[in-house]
Amino acid sequence: MSVESLERKFFELKGKLDVGVITEEQFKSEVEKLRFQDSTGRWWMIGAQSGKWYSFDGARWIPGTPPHDQPTPAEPKPAAAPVVAQPIVTPLASSQPATVTPLSEPPPEKITPPKSIAPPPQPEHIQPTTPALRMRPIPLNAQAQLRRFPIPGWMLVLGAAAVAMVGVVIFWIIVENFVPGKPISSFLNNVTGVKPVATVIPGSVTISSAGSVSKDVSTILAMGDQLVTQSQIDGAITQYQNAATLAPTSALPLTRWSRALVFKGLTQEAVTKAQQAIQRAPNDAETLAQFCRALIWNGQSGDGIAQCEKATQLDPKNANAYAFLTEAYLLARRSTDAQARAQLALQLAPQSVEAHRAQAWFLTMQGQKDQALVEWRQTVSMEPSFYFRHFELGEVLRVYFNNPAEAVTEYQTALALYGGYIPTVNRLGQALLAVNKPKEAIPHFQRALTLEPGNVDNYVYLGIAFGQSNQCGQAIPYFQQALRLSPENAIARKGLSDCQAGKAPTLAAAPPPQVPLIPPIVAPKP
């Protein structure tokens, strides 16, 4: 089987476990079989809890990406522990030191990870260890020869100098970090006239050469903003956390932090972070604007309108406030007000991606497909490496413009840019169902179910995908589980009825909503 086949098998097993078709023991036993050796002899295995790939380096399982361009060998038979190459010491004449000759490694295909080290099936639970170098004992006569081998005097002098230098460096570090006043730096500064210069370390906080922390928050925030547009949301959040630590009274790091959380779908956390920012800057227009959007995406559009309106009163030139207010007014079915705010946002900031997004939503709600798509594609062209722009364009194509084929491409791009946004996986599956590719949709719903087991839609659509693939026997448990979680779910009830009657379940075409789609809320991990 190929790597993709092994992944599909894993998510199929995980789905069966979630609905009680197989037991925990059966699941673990089957997952243990999902391993293979690549052409270099390296072992690969899927972690039972995470669904991620791990490779075996001879002592531990480490996360990695397996090669996808080669077939997977058949499951090997159990073998003894791998042979560890051990050097052999060969004694020479008394005038020369012993020579170490390593044994040649056995062929890679004969090495199998020892059962004492390989995890039962969860490599992510194995604690990292460091492989120890094992050597055969040196023969006594060779030890004597080594002891008689003289060490040149110049080597002793260099060794002593190196030890002394290390001692000086350690002493300097201790004085610089633990002695008040930093006497060494002060002395050097007075002699040379050179002042300590702040150095920005990418991915970290700003540290000065004198050891003190420089609060260059703007540099760190700029780095976080850049990471967001590159779909590195978790890295961006780390930068905002660093900035918040360095500037404990500033609202700006918390505002950016809230914005990043919104794009991850963690809207309640985003609201909380924005509230903390407002406590520090209650009259800052940008802070209020970002709070407005967090409230809107958290399903509190009424409260969001109040915050955005307050932001525009404080700063009539804040384009973000007008852009977010456009979305809020559309949700409240105030299209005339929304149109005015969208136009104003574009006038104030014609290069703002949020202003173009607001105009795109207004045109979409007005049914002006061609003009709307121009604006939507403009948002993507302005931030081509930001997954959310592709995800939202996919949503509009699938839900409002009846073009699931192009939506598939946008979802796939979004998923390739950032696989951590779980709704993309489910939406890709739905788009594949819409283009009559249920078998291709199954692994996406299985993956979505593994990543978000509490989401009823994942059970429902996985049941639909199995049913439309003529596998109603596989579909029924998913419909039943969906109804246990949500007894009034009409799609699950109809799908179960169709399958029990021997018919493939169908999805009724639904008219597009009359308001913008609020991005899905992602449940935070416990």
Protein backbone atom coordinates (compact mmCIF):
# COMPACT_ATOMS: atom_id res chain seq x y z
CA MET A 1 0.00 0.00 0.00
CA SER A 2 1.07 3.59 -0.61
CA VAL A 3 1.52 6.19 2.10
CA GLU A 4 -1.83 7.73 1.16
CA SER A 5 -3.51 4.33 1.48
CA LEU A 6 -2.05 3.86 4.95
CA GLU A 7 -3.36 7.29 5.98
CA ARG A 8 -6.82 6.48 4.64
CA LYS A 9 -6.76 3.19 6.53
CA PHE A 10 -5.84 5.00 9.76
CA PHE A 11 -8.68 7.51 9.52
CA GLU A 12 -11.10 4.70 8.64
CA LEU A 13 -10.03 2.82 11.78
CA LYS A 14 -10.29 5.98 13.89
CA GLY A 15 -13.80 6.62 12.63
CA LYS A 16 -14.86 3.05 13.43
CA LEU A 17 -13.41 3.41 16.92
CA ASP A 18 -15.27 6.67 17.50
CA VAL A 19 -18.65 5.11 16.69
CA GLY A 20 -17.95 1.85 18.55
CA VAL A 21 -17.63 -0.46 15.55
CA ILE A 22 -14.24 -1.68 16.82
CA THR A 23 -12.72 -1.80 20.29
CA GLU A 24 -9.71 0.12 21.56
CA GLU A 25 -7.62 -3.08 21.48
CA GLN A 26 -8.63 -3.84 17.89
CA PHE A 27 -7.82 -0.28 16.90
CA LYS A 28 -4.35 -0.39 18.44
CA SER A 29 -3.66 -3.79 16.92
CA GLU A 30 -4.57 -2.58 13.43
CA VAL A 31 -2.70 0.72 13.73
CA GLU A 32 0.45 -1.21 14.68
CA LYS A 33 0.38 -2.67 11.18
CA LEU A 34 0.47 0.76 9.54
CA ARG A 35 4.24 0.99 9.30
CA PHE A 36 6.79 0.51 6.56
CA GLN A 37 10.44 0.90 5.60
CA ASP A 38 11.45 3.38 2.92
CA SER A 39 14.19 2.80 0.36
CA THR A 40 16.88 3.90 2.84
CA GLY A 41 15.77 1.39 5.46
CA ARG A 42 14.13 3.97 7.75
CA TRP A 43 10.98 2.83 9.55
CA TRP A 44 7.80 4.95 9.46
CA MET A 45 4.68 4.60 11.61
CA ILE A 46 1.43 6.51 12.31
CA GLY A 47 0.78 7.69 15.88
CA ALA A 48 -2.50 6.27 17.17
CA GLN A 49 -3.65 9.45 18.89
CA SER A 50 -2.31 12.22 16.66
CA GLY A 51 -2.53 10.58 13.23
CA LYS A 52 0.91 12.03 12.48
CA TRP A 53 3.84 10.18 10.92
CA TYR A 54 6.93 9.23 12.94
CA SER A 55 10.26 7.83 11.81
CA PHE A 56 12.56 5.56 13.81
CA ASP A 57 16.15 6.83 14.13
CA GLY A 58 17.50 3.73 15.85
CA ALA A 59 16.58 4.76 19.38
CA ARG A 60 13.38 6.80 19.29
CA TRP A 61 10.40 7.79 17.18
CA ILE A 62 10.54 11.37 15.89
CA PRO A 63 7.88 13.34 13.91
CA GLY A 64 8.48 13.59 10.18
CA THR A 65 7.01 13.44 6.69
CA PRO A 66 7.35 10.09 4.90
CA PRO A 67 8.33 9.88 1.24
CA HIS A 68 5.28 9.68 -1.02
CA ASP A 69 6.99 8.77 -4.28
CA GLN A 70 7.64 5.09 -3.68
CA PRO A 71 5.54 1.98 -2.93
CA THR A 72 5.32 0.70 0.59
CA PRO A 73 7.01 -2.67 1.18
CA ALA A 74 5.06 -5.52 2.68
CA GLU A 75 4.94 -5.94 6.44
CA PRO A 76 8.23 -7.58 7.50
CA LYS A 77 8.46 -10.57 9.76
CA PRO A 78 9.57 -9.95 13.35
CA ALA A 79 13.31 -9.99 13.69
CA ALA A 80 15.87 -9.80 16.41
CA ALA A 81 17.16 -6.47 17.73
CA PRO A 82 19.17 -4.56 15.13
CA VAL A 83 22.89 -5.12 15.00
CA VAL A 84 24.78 -2.11 16.32
CA ALA A 85 28.09 -1.53 14.63
CA GLN A 86 30.79 -1.85 17.31
CA PRO A 87 34.36 -0.79 16.71
CA ILE A 88 37.09 -3.39 17.09
CA VAL A 89 40.43 -2.36 18.53
CA THR A 90 43.36 -3.97 16.76
CA PRO A 91 46.66 -3.93 18.77
CA LEU A 92 49.73 -2.86 16.77
CA ALA A 93 53.40 -2.73 17.51
CA SER A 94 54.47 -1.00 20.73
CA SER A 95 55.69 2.06 18.80
CA GLN A 96 52.20 2.95 17.49
CA PRO A 97 48.79 3.57 19.13
CA ALA A 98 45.92 1.16 18.66
CA THR A 99 43.87 1.54 15.46
CA VAL A 100 40.04 1.49 15.59
CA THR A 101 38.32 -0.16 12.62
CA PRO A 102 34.46 0.03 12.56
CA LEU A 103 32.44 -2.92 11.41
CA SER A 104 30.41 -2.35 8.26
CA GLU A 105 26.70 -1.68 8.76
CA PRO A 106 24.34 -4.51 7.74
CA PRO A 107 22.09 -3.81 4.73
CA PRO A 108 19.31 -1.30 5.63
CA GLU A 109 16.53 -3.63 4.61
CA LYS A 110 17.57 -6.08 7.32
CA ILE A 111 17.29 -3.57 10.15
CA THR A 112 13.97 -3.61 11.98
CA PRO A 113 13.11 -1.48 14.99
CA PRO A 114 13.46 -3.63 18.12
CA LYS A 115 10.17 -4.45 19.82
CA SER A 116 11.65 -3.30 23.13
CA ILE A 117 11.92 0.24 21.70
CA ALA A 118 9.07 0.49 19.19
CA PRO A 119 5.84 1.80 20.79
CA PRO A 120 2.75 -0.43 21.13
CA PRO A 121 1.31 1.79 18.63
CA GLN A 122 1.77 5.31 19.96
CA PRO A 123 5.20 6.68 19.05
CA GLU A 124 4.20 10.09 20.41
CA HIS A 125 4.16 8.65 23.94
CA ILE A 126 7.76 7.43 23.80
CA GLN A 127 10.12 9.62 25.79
CA PRO A 128 13.09 10.79 23.73
CA THR A 129 16.30 9.01 24.48
CA THR A 130 19.87 9.45 23.31
CA PRO A 131 21.47 6.42 21.71
CA ALA A 132 24.60 5.43 23.56
CA LEU A 133 27.81 4.45 21.77
CA ARG A 134 28.70 0.90 22.70
CA MET A 135 32.26 -0.34 22.21
CA ARG A 136 33.95 -3.61 22.84
CA PRO A 137 36.49 -3.55 25.67
CA ILE A 138 39.99 -2.66 24.59
CA PRO A 139 42.40 -5.59 25.14
CA LEU A 140 44.78 -5.20 28.07
CA ASN A 141 47.91 -5.12 25.94
CA ALA A 142 46.37 -2.39 23.78
CA GLN A 143 45.51 -0.36 26.91
CA ALA A 144 49.13 -0.55 27.93
CA GLN A 145 50.23 0.60 24.51
CA LEU A 146 47.82 3.56 24.69
CA ARG A 147 49.12 4.56 28.11
CA ARG A 148 52.68 4.54 26.83
CA PHE A 149 51.83 6.82 23.91
CA PRO A 150 53.32 10.24 24.78
CA ILE A 151 51.27 13.47 24.63
CA PRO A 152 53.20 16.41 23.13
CA GLY A 153 53.86 19.34 25.44
CA TRP A 154 52.28 21.86 23.06
CA MET A 155 48.98 19.98 23.29
CA LEU A 156 49.05 20.28 27.07
CA VAL A 157 49.69 24.03 26.80
CA LEU A 158 46.81 24.52 24.36
CA GLY A 159 44.49 22.44 26.53
CA ALA A 160 45.35 24.47 29.63
CA ALA A 161 44.77 27.73 27.69
CA ALA A 162 41.36 26.52 26.48
CA VAL A 163 40.32 25.59 30.03
CA ALA A 164 41.42 29.01 31.27
CA MET A 165 39.46 30.78 28.52
CA VAL A 166 36.31 28.82 29.35
CA GLY A 167 36.75 29.82 32.98
CA VAL A 168 37.02 33.50 32.05
CA VAL A 169 33.85 33.32 29.92
CA ILE A 170 31.92 31.61 32.72
CA PHE A 171 33.15 34.22 35.21
CA TRP A 172 32.08 37.03 32.82
CA ILE A 173 28.60 35.52 32.41
CA ILE A 174 28.15 35.19 36.16
CA VAL A 175 29.23 38.78 36.81
CA GLU A 176 27.11 40.17 33.96
CA ASN A 177 23.92 38.39 35.03
CA PHE A 178 24.09 38.21 38.80
CA VAL A 179 26.21 41.14 40.02
CA PRO A 180 24.28 44.47 40.22
CA GLY A 181 25.68 47.25 38.09
CA LYS A 182 27.48 44.92 35.65
CA PRO A 183 30.99 46.20 36.51
CA ILE A 184 32.70 44.57 33.50
CA SER A 185 30.39 46.15 30.91
CA SER A 186 30.56 49.48 32.67
CA PHE A 187 34.34 49.35 32.65
CA LEU A 188 34.50 48.45 28.94
CA ASN A 189 31.98 51.12 28.03
CA ASN A 190 33.98 53.78 29.85
CA VAL A 191 37.23 52.70 28.21
CA THR A 192 35.98 52.22 24.65
CA GLY A 193 33.09 54.65 24.59
CA VAL A 194 30.92 51.98 22.93
CA LYS A 195 27.33 51.67 24.14
CA PRO A 196 25.41 48.39 24.07
CA VAL A 197 23.36 47.96 20.91
CA ALA A 198 20.03 46.11 20.83
CA THR A 199 20.02 43.06 18.57
CA VAL A 200 16.79 41.59 17.21
CA ILE A 201 16.77 37.81 17.18
CA PRO A 202 14.20 36.41 14.71
CA GLY A 203 11.56 34.32 16.41
CA SER A 204 12.45 35.60 19.85
CA VAL A 205 12.38 38.73 21.96
CA THR A 206 14.73 41.68 21.61
CA ILE A 207 17.85 41.27 23.72
CA SER A 208 20.56 43.86 24.19
CA SER A 209 24.25 43.02 24.03
CA ALA A 210 24.60 44.12 27.66
CA GLY A 211 22.14 41.44 28.76
CA SER A 212 19.17 43.74 29.42
CA VAL A 213 15.83 43.37 27.62
CA SER A 214 14.99 46.09 25.09
CA LYS A 215 11.26 46.65 24.61
CA ASP A 216 11.33 46.97 20.83
CA VAL A 217 7.76 45.72 20.65
CA SER A 218 7.02 47.10 17.19
CA THR A 219 9.66 44.86 15.60
CA ILE A 220 8.19 41.76 17.21
CA LEU A 221 4.65 42.74 16.24
CA ALA A 222 5.74 43.29 12.65
CA MET A 223 7.26 39.82 12.64
CA GLY A 224 4.01 38.38 13.97
CA ASP A 225 1.99 40.20 11.32
CA GLN A 226 4.23 38.80 8.61
CA LEU A 227 3.83 35.28 9.96
CA VAL A 228 0.04 35.65 9.83
CA THR A 229 0.10 36.49 6.12
CA GLN A 230 2.33 33.43 5.60
CA SER A 231 -0.24 31.20 7.36
CA GLN A 232 2.12 30.56 10.29
CA ILE A 233 -0.56 31.43 12.82
CA ASP A 234 0.91 29.59 15.78
CA GLY A 235 4.28 31.25 15.26
CA ALA A 236 2.58 34.63 15.05
CA ILE A 237 0.77 34.03 18.33
CA THR A 238 4.13 33.26 19.95
CA GLN A 239 5.45 36.63 18.76
CA TYR A 240 2.41 38.44 20.11
CA GLN A 241 2.84 36.67 23.43
CA ASN A 242 6.46 37.82 23.54
CA ALA A 243 5.41 41.38 22.76
CA ALA A 244 2.72 41.29 25.46
CA THR A 245 5.34 40.17 27.98
CA LEU A 246 7.69 42.98 27.00
CA ALA A 247 4.95 45.62 27.02
CA PRO A 248 2.64 44.64 29.89
CA THR A 249 0.67 47.90 29.74
CA SER A 250 0.19 48.14 25.96
CA ALA A 251 -3.05 47.09 24.27
CA LEU A 252 -1.48 46.54 20.85
CA PRO A 253 0.05 43.06 21.42
CA LEU A 254 -3.24 41.80 22.88
CA THR A 255 -5.18 43.27 19.94
CA ARG A 256 -2.97 41.46 17.41
CA TRP A 257 -3.13 38.31 19.51
CA SER A 258 -6.94 38.47 19.43
CA ARG A 259 -6.85 38.88 15.65
CA ALA A 260 -4.73 35.73 15.22
CA LEU A 261 -7.05 33.72 17.47
CA VAL A 262 -10.04 34.81 15.37
CA PHE A 263 -8.44 33.39 12.23
CA LYS A 264 -7.87 30.06 14.02
CA GLY A 265 -11.59 29.89 14.82
CA LEU A 266 -10.99 30.31 18.58
CA THR A 267 -13.45 33.17 18.76
CA GLN A 268 -14.26 33.06 22.47
CA GLU A 269 -10.57 33.22 23.31
CA ALA A 270 -10.27 36.10 20.84
CA VAL A 271 -13.10 37.98 22.57
CA THR A 272 -11.43 37.51 25.95
CA LYS A 273 -8.08 38.74 24.66
CA ALA A 274 -9.72 41.78 23.02
CA GLN A 275 -11.50 42.62 26.29
CA GLN A 276 -8.14 42.59 28.05
CA ALA A 277 -6.81 44.96 25.40
CA ILE A 278 -9.75 47.33 25.89
CA GLN A 279 -9.06 47.45 29.63
CA ARG A 280 -5.66 48.91 28.73
CA ALA A 281 -6.91 51.25 25.97
CA PRO A 282 -10.67 51.81 26.24
CA ASN A 283 -10.67 54.62 23.68
CA ASP A 284 -8.41 53.14 21.02
CA ALA A 285 -10.29 52.80 17.72
CA GLU A 286 -8.28 49.87 16.32
CA THR A 287 -8.64 47.90 19.55
CA LEU A 288 -12.40 48.44 19.46
CA ALA A 289 -12.55 47.48 15.77
CA GLN A 290 -10.80 44.16 16.34
CA PHE A 291 -13.04 43.55 19.36
CA CYS A 292 -16.00 44.23 17.05
CA ARG A 293 -14.95 41.51 14.60
CA ALA A 294 -14.22 38.99 17.37
CA LEU A 295 -17.77 39.55 18.67
CA ILE A 296 -19.29 39.23 15.17
CA TRP A 297 -17.51 35.95 14.46
CA ASN A 298 -18.47 34.69 17.90
CA GLY A 299 -22.15 35.14 16.98
CA GLN A 300 -22.63 38.44 18.84
CA SER A 301 -23.24 40.76 15.90
CA GLY A 302 -25.39 43.18 17.91
CA ASP A 303 -22.62 43.80 20.42
CA GLY A 304 -20.17 43.97 17.55
CA ILE A 305 -22.10 46.79 15.88
CA ALA A 306 -21.92 48.86 19.05
CA GLN A 307 -18.15 48.46 19.30
CA CYS A 308 -17.53 49.24 15.61
CA GLU A 309 -19.75 52.33 15.73
CA LYS A 310 -17.85 53.55 18.77
CA ALA A 311 -14.56 52.97 16.92
CA THR A 312 -15.71 55.07 13.94
CA GLN A 313 -16.74 57.87 16.29
CA LEU A 314 -13.33 57.85 17.95
CA ASP A 315 -11.48 57.67 14.62
CA PRO A 316 -13.56 58.52 11.51
CA LYS A 317 -10.64 57.41 9.32
CA ASN A 318 -10.27 53.87 10.66
CA ALA A 319 -10.89 51.69 7.58
CA ASN A 320 -10.98 48.42 9.55
CA ALA A 321 -13.84 49.68 11.71
CA TYR A 322 -15.93 50.50 8.60
CA ALA A 323 -15.03 47.17 6.95
CA PHE A 324 -16.07 45.12 9.98
CA LEU A 325 -19.16 47.27 10.44
CA THR A 326 -20.16 46.41 6.85
CA GLU A 327 -20.24 42.73 7.73
CA ALA A 328 -22.17 43.40 10.95
CA TYR A 329 -24.79 45.50 9.14
CA LEU A 330 -25.23 42.78 6.50
CA LEU A 331 -25.84 40.26 9.26
CA ALA A 332 -28.45 42.64 10.65
CA ARG A 333 -29.96 42.96 7.12
CA ARG A 334 -29.14 46.66 6.96
CA SER A 335 -27.87 46.59 3.39
CA THR A 336 -28.05 50.34 2.76
CA ASP A 337 -25.92 51.09 5.82
CA ALA A 338 -23.56 48.25 4.83
CA GLN A 339 -23.09 49.68 1.34
CA ALA A 340 -22.12 53.11 2.68
CA ARG A 341 -19.60 51.64 5.13
CA ALA A 342 -18.04 49.38 2.50
CA GLN A 343 -17.53 52.27 0.09
CA LEU A 344 -16.07 54.44 2.84
CA ALA A 345 -13.64 51.71 3.86
CA LEU A 346 -12.36 51.47 0.26
CA GLN A 347 -12.06 55.24 -0.04
CA LEU A 348 -10.02 55.47 3.14
CA ALA A 349 -7.78 52.47 2.38
CA PRO A 350 -7.91 51.30 -1.25
CA GLN A 351 -5.03 48.88 -0.56
CA SER A 352 -6.68 47.30 2.48
CA VAL A 353 -7.57 43.64 2.08
CA GLU A 354 -10.29 44.03 4.72
CA ALA A 355 -11.88 46.88 2.74
CA HIS A 356 -11.99 44.73 -0.41
CA ARG A 357 -13.40 41.85 1.63
CA ALA A 358 -16.20 44.07 2.94
CA GLN A 359 -17.06 45.20 -0.59
CA ALA A 360 -16.98 41.57 -1.77
CA TRP A 361 -19.51 40.55 0.88
CA PHE A 362 -21.83 43.42 0.01
CA LEU A 363 -21.75 42.56 -3.70
CA THR A 364 -22.28 38.87 -2.91
CA MET A 365 -25.39 39.65 -0.86
CA GLN A 366 -26.67 41.81 -3.72
CA GLY A 367 -26.30 38.90 -6.14
CA GLN A 368 -23.72 40.71 -8.25
CA LYS A 369 -21.66 37.61 -8.89
CA ASP A 370 -19.12 38.89 -11.40
CA GLN A 371 -18.27 42.07 -9.49
CA ALA A 372 -18.19 40.14 -6.23
CA LEU A 373 -15.74 37.57 -7.59
CA VAL A 374 -13.46 40.38 -8.76
CA GLU A 375 -13.29 41.63 -5.18
CA TRP A 376 -12.90 38.15 -3.70
CA ARG A 377 -10.05 37.34 -6.04
CA GLN A 378 -8.51 40.69 -5.14
CA THR A 379 -8.37 39.63 -1.49
CA VAL A 380 -6.57 36.44 -2.51
CA SER A 381 -4.10 38.28 -4.75
CA MET A 382 -3.27 40.73 -1.94
CA GLU A 383 -2.50 37.92 0.54
CA PRO A 384 -1.83 34.84 -1.61
CA SER A 385 -0.03 32.92 1.13
CA PHE A 386 -2.72 33.45 3.76
CA TYR A 387 -4.89 30.35 3.98
CA PHE A 388 -8.00 32.17 5.21
CA ARG A 389 -8.40 34.13 1.95
CA HIS A 390 -8.52 30.87 -0.03
CA PHE A 391 -10.85 29.23 2.50
CA GLU A 392 -13.35 32.08 2.36
CA LEU A 393 -13.27 32.23 -1.44
CA GLY A 394 -13.97 28.48 -1.44
CA GLU A 395 -16.94 29.03 0.85
CA VAL A 396 -18.39 31.72 -1.40
CA LEU A 397 -17.89 29.63 -4.56
CA ARG A 398 -19.53 26.57 -3.01
CA VAL A 399 -22.39 28.14 -1.05
CA TYR A 400 -23.36 31.28 -2.98
CA PHE A 401 -22.21 30.78 -6.57
CA ASN A 402 -22.83 27.02 -7.05
CA ASN A 403 -19.29 26.32 -8.19
CA PRO A 404 -18.01 23.48 -5.99
CA ALA A 405 -15.38 22.42 -8.53
CA GLU A 406 -13.45 25.68 -8.15
CA ALA A 407 -14.15 25.59 -4.42
CA VAL A 408 -12.28 22.27 -4.21
CA THR A 409 -9.16 23.97 -5.57
CA GLU A 410 -9.40 26.84 -3.08
CA TYR A 411 -9.93 24.50 -0.14
CA GLN A 412 -6.99 22.37 -1.20
CA THR A 413 -4.79 25.47 -1.40
CA ALA A 414 -5.94 26.63 2.04
CA LEU A 415 -5.25 23.20 3.49
CA ALA A 416 -1.76 23.10 1.98
CA LEU A 417 -0.98 26.52 3.45
CA TYR A 418 -2.28 25.73 6.95
CA GLY A 419 -3.47 22.28 7.93
CA GLY A 420 -4.35 23.40 11.46
CA TYR A 421 -7.64 25.02 10.47
CA ILE A 422 -10.00 22.08 10.91
CA PRO A 423 -13.08 23.51 9.08
CA THR A 424 -11.12 23.43 5.82
CA VAL A 425 -10.98 19.62 5.97
CA ASN A 426 -14.74 19.27 6.39
CA ARG A 427 -15.53 21.87 3.72
CA LEU A 428 -13.26 20.14 1.21
CA GLY A 429 -15.19 16.94 1.83
CA GLN A 430 -18.49 18.73 1.27
CA ALA A 431 -17.24 20.22 -1.99
CA LEU A 432 -16.16 16.78 -3.18
CA LEU A 433 -19.63 15.43 -2.37
CA ALA A 434 -21.11 18.26 -4.41
CA VAL A 435 -19.06 17.24 -7.48
CA ASN A 436 -20.12 13.60 -7.02
CA LYS A 437 -16.81 12.30 -5.65
CA PRO A 438 -17.94 10.63 -2.40
CA LYS A 439 -15.06 8.14 -2.27
CA GLU A 440 -12.55 11.00 -2.41
CA ALA A 441 -14.52 12.81 0.30
CA ILE A 442 -14.42 9.90 2.78
CA PRO A 443 -10.80 10.32 3.99
CA HIS A 444 -11.34 14.06 4.51
CA PHE A 445 -14.37 13.50 6.71
CA GLN A 446 -12.50 10.73 8.55
CA ARG A 447 -9.65 13.14 9.20
CA ALA A 448 -12.05 15.89 10.29
CA LEU A 449 -13.71 13.45 12.68
CA THR A 450 -10.34 12.52 14.18
CA LEU A 451 -9.38 16.19 14.62
CA GLU A 452 -12.77 17.30 15.93
CA PRO A 453 -14.70 14.30 17.30
CA GLY A 454 -17.38 16.46 18.92
CA ASN A 455 -18.56 18.01 15.65
CA VAL A 456 -21.86 16.40 14.59
CA ASP A 457 -21.42 17.47 10.96
CA ASN A 458 -18.37 15.22 10.63
CA TYR A 459 -20.46 12.14 11.52
CA VAL A 460 -23.33 13.21 9.27
CA TYR A 461 -21.27 13.90 6.16
CA LEU A 462 -19.10 10.84 6.64
CA GLY A 463 -22.30 8.80 6.69
CA ILE A 464 -23.45 10.53 3.50
CA ALA A 465 -20.10 9.86 1.81
CA PHE A 466 -20.19 6.15 2.71
CA GLY A 467 -23.83 5.86 1.65
CA GLN A 468 -23.23 7.51 -1.72
CA SER A 469 -20.28 5.14 -2.21
CA ASN A 470 -22.70 2.18 -1.90
CA GLN A 471 -21.42 1.37 1.60
CA CYS A 472 -24.56 1.87 3.69
CA GLY A 473 -23.36 -0.73 6.16
CA GLN A 474 -20.47 1.61 6.98
CA ALA A 475 -22.73 4.68 6.91
CA ILE A 476 -25.41 3.60 9.42
CA PRO A 477 -23.21 3.76 12.58
CA TYR A 478 -22.21 7.34 11.74
CA PHE A 479 -25.82 8.45 11.27
CA GLN A 480 -26.74 6.77 14.55
CA GLN A 481 -23.89 8.49 16.39
CA ALA A 482 -24.89 11.84 14.90
CA LEU A 483 -28.45 11.35 16.16
CA ARG A 484 -27.18 10.45 19.62
CA LEU A 485 -25.31 13.76 19.69
CA SER A 486 -28.09 15.74 17.98
CA PRO A 487 -31.47 13.91 18.00
CA GLU A 488 -33.13 16.57 15.80
CA ASN A 489 -30.54 16.48 13.00
CA ALA A 490 -32.70 16.20 9.87
CA ILE A 491 -29.87 15.24 7.50
CA ALA A 492 -28.74 12.38 9.74
CA ARG A 493 -32.31 11.17 10.23
CA LYS A 494 -32.99 11.15 6.46
CA GLY A 495 -29.63 9.51 5.70
CA LEU A 496 -30.30 6.73 8.22
CA SER A 497 -33.80 6.18 6.79
CA ASP A 498 -32.47 6.03 3.22
CA CYS A 499 -29.72 3.55 4.09
CA GLN A 500 -32.07 1.31 6.08
CA ALA A 501 -34.37 1.29 3.04
CA GLY A 502 -31.48 0.26 0.80
CA LYS A 503 -31.16 3.62 -0.95
CA ALA A 504 -28.16 5.88 -1.25
CA PRO A 505 -28.67 9.00 0.93
CA THR A 506 -28.97 12.31 -0.85
CA LEU A 507 -28.43 15.92 0.13
CA ALA A 508 -31.19 18.36 -0.74
CA ALA A 509 -29.97 21.52 -2.45
CA ALA A 510 -30.28 24.46 -0.08
CA PRO A 511 -30.68 28.09 -1.19
CA PRO A 512 -27.75 30.35 -0.29
CA PRO A 513 -28.09 32.29 2.96
CA GLN A 514 -29.31 35.88 2.86
CA VAL A 515 -26.47 37.02 5.15
CA PRO A 516 -22.68 36.52 5.09
CA LEU A 517 -21.24 33.25 6.31
CA ILE A 518 -19.63 33.64 9.71
CA PRO A 519 -16.42 31.55 9.82
CA PRO A 520 -16.92 28.33 11.81
CA ILE A 521 -16.11 28.34 15.50
CA VAL A 522 -13.49 25.75 16.45
CA ALA A 523 -13.81 24.14 19.85
CA PRO A 524 -10.60 24.71 21.87
CA LYS A 525 -8.63 21.57 22.69
CA PRO A 526 -8.89 20.47 26.33
